[in-house]
Amino acid sequence: MREFVVFFINSYKVNFFNSNMAEEYNKLVRDRIPEIILKKGRYPVTHIASNREYAVKLKEKLLEEVKEYLQSNSKAELIDILEIIYALCDVHKITKEKIEQMRRKKNLERGRFLERIILEKVE
């Protein structure tokens, strides 16, 4: 009889089946990650997401990366967040130029965050 143990490390499900270790992620990864895993001698199990699954997984990935940024304050996480924003723009068929135009318009109407204003309350 084989023993099977499952536990979680940093929200990643890790399975131990005898002495073989398999990590389950079920998350969107950058395009070259499977290639990188193969070069390390491991075998990624992947599938191509449908349009619907892709949109859902992008949102999950955005939350994951924002949480990582909040925990680490790493500028590298901002790169990941921006890449996900660009991918979401593609999903919504918005060009980078259009999103930039929309951002500038909103800045003119509502302002930016440069003045560091904290709204305490409205009486």
Foldseek 3Di string as FASTA:
>chain_A
DWDWDWDDDPNWIWICTPPDTDTDDPADDDPCVQVVCVVVVDHDDDDDDDLVVVLVRLVVQLVVLVVVCVVPVDPVSVVVNVVSVCVNCVSVVHHPVRVVVVVVVCCVVPNDCVVVDDDPDDD
